[in-house]
Amino acid sequence: DEAFARTTAFGGVIAHGMLSLNLAWELLRDLHGDDGVADVELTVRFKKPVRPGDTVRARARREADAAGGWEVWIENQAGEAVIAGHARPAP
């Protein structure tokens, strides 16, 4: 409901954060296969809303620590991180 969405703190229609976050899971699955993401702890921060018409993509970079983790983020068409966080093997 666009009229209602304009009255919210976001000022308009946005995509549900989990919809965008799913791109990070798909990227991790592509990198490691289904078994490689079965026991992964993903910690993220939703930094900016994704709006209709935005183009987003998932990115990942191996972290230098011994835990074998990844820095993961979803960026919009301007290169801004809309979601950012870390994926690590679950304890």
C-alpha atoms as a PDB file:
ATOM      1  CA  ASP A   1       0.000   0.000   0.000  1.00  0.00           C
ATOM      2  CA  GLU A   2       1.959   2.971  -1.304  1.00  0.00           C
ATOM      3  CA  ALA A   3      -0.121   5.591   0.534  1.00  0.00           C
ATOM      4  CA  PHE A   4       0.436   3.893   3.878  1.00  0.00           C
ATOM      5  CA  ALA A   5       4.128   3.315   3.125  1.00  0.00           C
ATOM      6  CA  ARG A   6       4.625   7.067   2.698  1.00  0.00           C
ATOM      7  CA  THR A   7       3.486   7.579   6.318  1.00  0.00           C
ATOM      8  CA  THR A   8       6.172   5.270   7.739  1.00  0.00           C
ATOM      9  CA  ALA A   9       9.717   6.089   8.812  1.00  0.00           C
ATOM     10  CA  PHE A  10      10.946   4.805   5.435  1.00  0.00           C
ATOM     11  CA  GLY A  11       8.835   7.322   3.516  1.00  0.00           C
ATOM     12  CA  GLY A  12       7.764   4.844   0.863  1.00  0.00           C
ATOM     13  CA  VAL A  13       7.616   1.244  -0.261  1.00  0.00           C
ATOM     14  CA  ILE A  14      10.650  -0.914   0.541  1.00  0.00           C
ATOM     15  CA  ALA A  15      11.614  -4.529   0.005  1.00  0.00           C
ATOM     16  CA  HIS A  16      11.509  -6.789   3.056  1.00  0.00           C
ATOM     17  CA  GLY A  17      15.043  -7.082   4.416  1.00  0.00           C
ATOM     18  CA  MET A  18      15.026 -10.876   4.356  1.00  0.00           C
ATOM     19  CA  LEU A  19      14.307 -10.795   0.630  1.00  0.00           C
ATOM     20  CA  SER A  20      17.575  -8.957   0.033  1.00  0.00           C
ATOM     21  CA  LEU A  21      19.449 -10.984   2.648  1.00  0.00           C
ATOM     22  CA  ASN A  22      18.584 -14.172   0.777  1.00  0.00           C
ATOM     23  CA  LEU A  23      21.085 -13.069  -1.882  1.00  0.00           C
ATOM     24  CA  ALA A  24      23.901 -13.470   0.669  1.00  0.00           C
ATOM     25  CA  TRP A  25      22.790 -17.030   1.461  1.00  0.00           C
ATOM     26  CA  GLU A  26      22.668 -17.838  -2.236  1.00  0.00           C
ATOM     27  CA  LEU A  27      26.178 -16.477  -2.744  1.00  0.00           C
ATOM     28  CA  LEU A  28      27.531 -18.480   0.205  1.00  0.00           C
ATOM     29  CA  ARG A  29      25.808 -21.602  -1.133  1.00  0.00           C
ATOM     30  CA  ASP A  30      27.353 -20.993  -4.553  1.00  0.00           C
ATOM     31  CA  LEU A  31      30.791 -20.710  -2.915  1.00  0.00           C
ATOM     32  CA  HIS A  32      30.460 -23.704  -0.550  1.00  0.00           C
ATOM     33  CA  GLY A  33      27.568 -25.877  -1.695  1.00  0.00           C
ATOM     34  CA  ASP A  34      24.555 -26.862   0.396  1.00  0.00           C
ATOM     35  CA  ASP A  35      26.637 -28.680   3.023  1.00  0.00           C
ATOM     36  CA  GLY A  36      28.950 -25.699   3.371  1.00  0.00           C
ATOM     37  CA  VAL A  37      26.192 -23.409   4.613  1.00  0.00           C
ATOM     38  CA  ALA A  38      24.334 -25.890   6.802  1.00  0.00           C
ATOM     39  CA  ASP A  39      26.164 -24.771   9.959  1.00  0.00           C
ATOM     40  CA  VAL A  40      26.885 -21.122   9.264  1.00  0.00           C
ATOM     41  CA  GLU A  41      26.196 -18.265  11.640  1.00  0.00           C
ATOM     42  CA  LEU A  42      25.265 -15.121   9.736  1.00  0.00           C
ATOM     43  CA  THR A  43      25.295 -11.822  11.619  1.00  0.00           C
ATOM     44  CA  VAL A  44      24.203  -8.752   9.672  1.00  0.00           C
ATOM     45  CA  ARG A  45      23.040  -5.179  10.007  1.00  0.00           C
ATOM     46  CA  PHE A  46      20.331  -3.745   7.778  1.00  0.00           C
ATOM     47  CA  LYS A  47      21.843  -0.371   6.901  1.00  0.00           C
ATOM     48  CA  LYS A  48      19.604   1.126   4.199  1.00  0.00           C
ATOM     49  CA  PRO A  49      16.222   0.273   2.716  1.00  0.00           C
ATOM     50  CA  VAL A  50      15.964  -1.336  -0.706  1.00  0.00           C
ATOM     51  CA  ARG A  51      13.351   0.438  -2.791  1.00  0.00           C
ATOM     52  CA  PRO A  52      11.404  -0.634  -5.876  1.00  0.00           C
ATOM     53  CA  GLY A  53      13.643  -0.211  -8.912  1.00  0.00           C
ATOM     54  CA  ASP A  54      16.894  -0.673  -6.970  1.00  0.00           C
ATOM     55  CA  THR A  55      19.393  -3.166  -8.330  1.00  0.00           C
ATOM     56  CA  VAL A  56      21.184  -5.128  -5.622  1.00  0.00           C
ATOM     57  CA  ARG A  57      23.919  -7.744  -5.635  1.00  0.00           C
ATOM     58  CA  ALA A  58      25.613  -9.909  -3.041  1.00  0.00           C
ATOM     59  CA  ARG A  59      29.331  -9.613  -2.382  1.00  0.00           C
ATOM     60  CA  ALA A  60      31.702 -11.558  -0.130  1.00  0.00           C
ATOM     61  CA  ARG A  61      35.331 -11.314   0.874  1.00  0.00           C
ATOM     62  CA  ARG A  62      37.287 -13.921   2.848  1.00  0.00           C
ATOM     63  CA  GLU A  63      38.218 -12.664   6.309  1.00  0.00           C
ATOM     64  CA  ALA A  64      41.854 -12.898   7.376  1.00  0.00           C
ATOM     65  CA  ASP A  65      41.096 -14.532  10.732  1.00  0.00           C
ATOM     66  CA  ALA A  66      41.572 -18.229  11.482  1.00  0.00           C
ATOM     67  CA  ALA A  67      37.829 -18.831  11.928  1.00  0.00           C
ATOM     68  CA  GLY A  68      37.330 -19.245   8.185  1.00  0.00           C
ATOM     69  CA  GLY A  69      34.708 -16.544   7.934  1.00  0.00           C
ATOM     70  CA  TRP A  70      33.512 -14.206   5.241  1.00  0.00           C
ATOM     71  CA  GLU A  71      32.621 -10.546   5.220  1.00  0.00           C
ATOM     72  CA  VAL A  72      29.316 -10.389   3.338  1.00  0.00           C
ATOM     73  CA  TRP A  73      27.295  -7.461   2.088  1.00  0.00           C
ATOM     74  CA  ILE A  74      24.491  -6.570  -0.261  1.00  0.00           C
ATOM     75  CA  GLU A  75      25.090  -3.422  -2.263  1.00  0.00           C
ATOM     76  CA  ASN A  76      22.766  -1.275  -4.324  1.00  0.00           C
ATOM     77  CA  GLN A  77      23.341   0.203  -7.765  1.00  0.00           C
ATOM     78  CA  ALA A  78      25.307   3.093  -6.220  1.00  0.00           C
ATOM     79  CA  GLY A  79      27.726   0.677  -4.538  1.00  0.00           C
ATOM     80  CA  GLU A  80      26.294   1.448  -1.089  1.00  0.00           C
ATOM     81  CA  ALA A  81      26.025  -1.430   1.376  1.00  0.00           C
ATOM     82  CA  VAL A  82      22.353  -1.913   2.239  1.00  0.00           C
ATOM     83  CA  ILE A  83      23.102  -4.999   4.359  1.00  0.00           C
ATOM     84  CA  ALA A  84      26.512  -5.821   5.855  1.00  0.00           C
ATOM     85  CA  GLY A  85      27.864  -8.458   8.175  1.00  0.00           C
ATOM     86  CA  HIS A  86      29.813 -11.657   8.676  1.00  0.00           C
ATOM     87  CA  ALA A  87      29.327 -15.348   7.989  1.00  0.00           C
ATOM     88  CA  ARG A  88      31.257 -17.797  10.153  1.00  0.00           C
ATOM     89  CA  PRO A  89      31.118 -21.494  10.941  1.00  0.00           C
ATOM     90  CA  ALA A  90      28.612 -21.966  13.763  1.00  0.00           C
ATOM     91  CA  PRO A  91      30.149 -22.773  17.176  1.00  0.00           C
END
